[in-house]
Protein backbone atom coordinates (compact mmCIF):
# COMPACT_ATOMS: atom_id res chain seq x y z
CA UNK A 1 31.37 -21.15 3.14
CA UNK A 2 27.84 -20.97 4.50
CA UNK A 3 25.30 -18.95 2.57
CA UNK A 4 24.04 -15.91 4.47
CA UNK A 5 20.29 -15.54 4.78
CA UNK A 6 18.62 -12.19 5.11
CA UNK A 7 15.83 -12.53 7.68
CA UNK A 8 14.99 -8.87 8.23
CA UNK A 9 11.63 -7.99 6.72
CA UNK A 10 10.71 -4.60 5.33
CA UNK A 11 7.75 -2.90 6.98
CA UNK A 12 4.52 -2.70 4.99
CA UNK A 13 2.46 0.43 4.61
CA UNK A 14 -1.00 1.21 3.35
CA UNK A 15 -0.59 3.77 0.60
CA UNK A 16 -3.56 5.93 -0.26
CA UNK A 17 -4.00 7.52 -3.66
CA UNK A 18 -6.64 9.55 -5.42
CA UNK A 19 -7.14 7.70 -8.72
CA UNK A 20 -8.29 10.04 -11.50
CA UNK A 21 -9.72 8.68 -14.74
CA UNK A 22 -12.03 9.76 -17.55
CA UNK A 23 -15.04 8.26 -15.73
CA UNK A 24 -14.38 9.80 -12.32
CA UNK A 25 -12.22 9.61 -9.25
CA UNK A 26 -11.75 7.08 -6.45
CA UNK A 27 -9.68 6.73 -3.31
CA UNK A 28 -7.44 3.66 -3.67
CA UNK A 29 -5.78 1.82 -0.74
CA UNK A 30 -2.80 -0.42 -1.61
CA UNK A 31 -0.62 -2.36 0.86
CA UNK A 32 3.05 -2.42 -0.19
CA UNK A 33 6.58 -1.89 1.12
CA UNK A 34 7.37 1.11 -1.12
CA UNK A 35 5.43 3.79 -2.98
CA UNK A 36 6.88 2.51 -6.24
CA UNK A 37 5.59 -1.00 -5.52
CA UNK A 38 2.16 0.45 -4.68
CA UNK A 39 2.07 2.43 -7.94
CA UNK A 40 2.95 -0.74 -9.87
CA UNK A 41 -0.18 -2.36 -8.39
CA UNK A 42 -2.43 0.60 -9.24
CA UNK A 43 -5.24 0.36 -11.81
CA UNK A 44 -4.23 0.88 -15.44
CA UNK A 45 -5.39 4.07 -17.13
CA UNK A 46 -5.55 6.15 -13.94
CA UNK A 47 -3.51 9.12 -12.85
CA UNK A 48 -2.48 8.35 -9.26
CA UNK A 49 -2.15 11.28 -6.85
CA UNK A 50 -0.35 10.36 -3.60
CA UNK A 51 -2.51 11.08 -0.54
CA UNK A 52 -0.79 9.31 2.36
CA UNK A 53 1.13 6.40 3.88
CA UNK A 54 0.01 4.58 7.03
CA UNK A 55 1.92 1.78 8.82
CA UNK A 56 0.43 -1.71 8.72
CA UNK A 57 0.84 -3.79 11.86
CA UNK A 58 1.08 -7.51 11.09
CA UNK A 59 -1.63 -9.49 12.87
CA UNK A 60 -3.64 -6.41 13.82
CA UNK A 61 -7.33 -6.32 12.85
CA UNK A 62 -8.19 -4.11 9.89
CA UNK A 63 -11.33 -2.69 11.51
CA UNK A 64 -11.82 -2.14 15.22
CA UNK A 65 -15.18 -3.21 16.64
CA UNK A 66 -16.93 -0.96 19.13
CA UNK A 67 -19.24 -2.37 21.80
C-alpha cells in the first residue's frame, strides 16, 4: 500500500507580544503557525502578554517601499 503524504501547509502568522522583564518591556514579533509555537520561541525570563496575530503572506515583502 502506498504511503500517503500530507502536502497541505499550515498558514504562518506574525504573533506580537509585549515582553515584560525586570529590566523593562519590549514588543516582540515572532513568526509561527500557532501561538503555542510562538511562545516556545519567546525569550527566557520574560512574561509574554499576547498583543495580536497578523497573517504572513509567503513571498510578500516585509516592508513596502514608497516612492
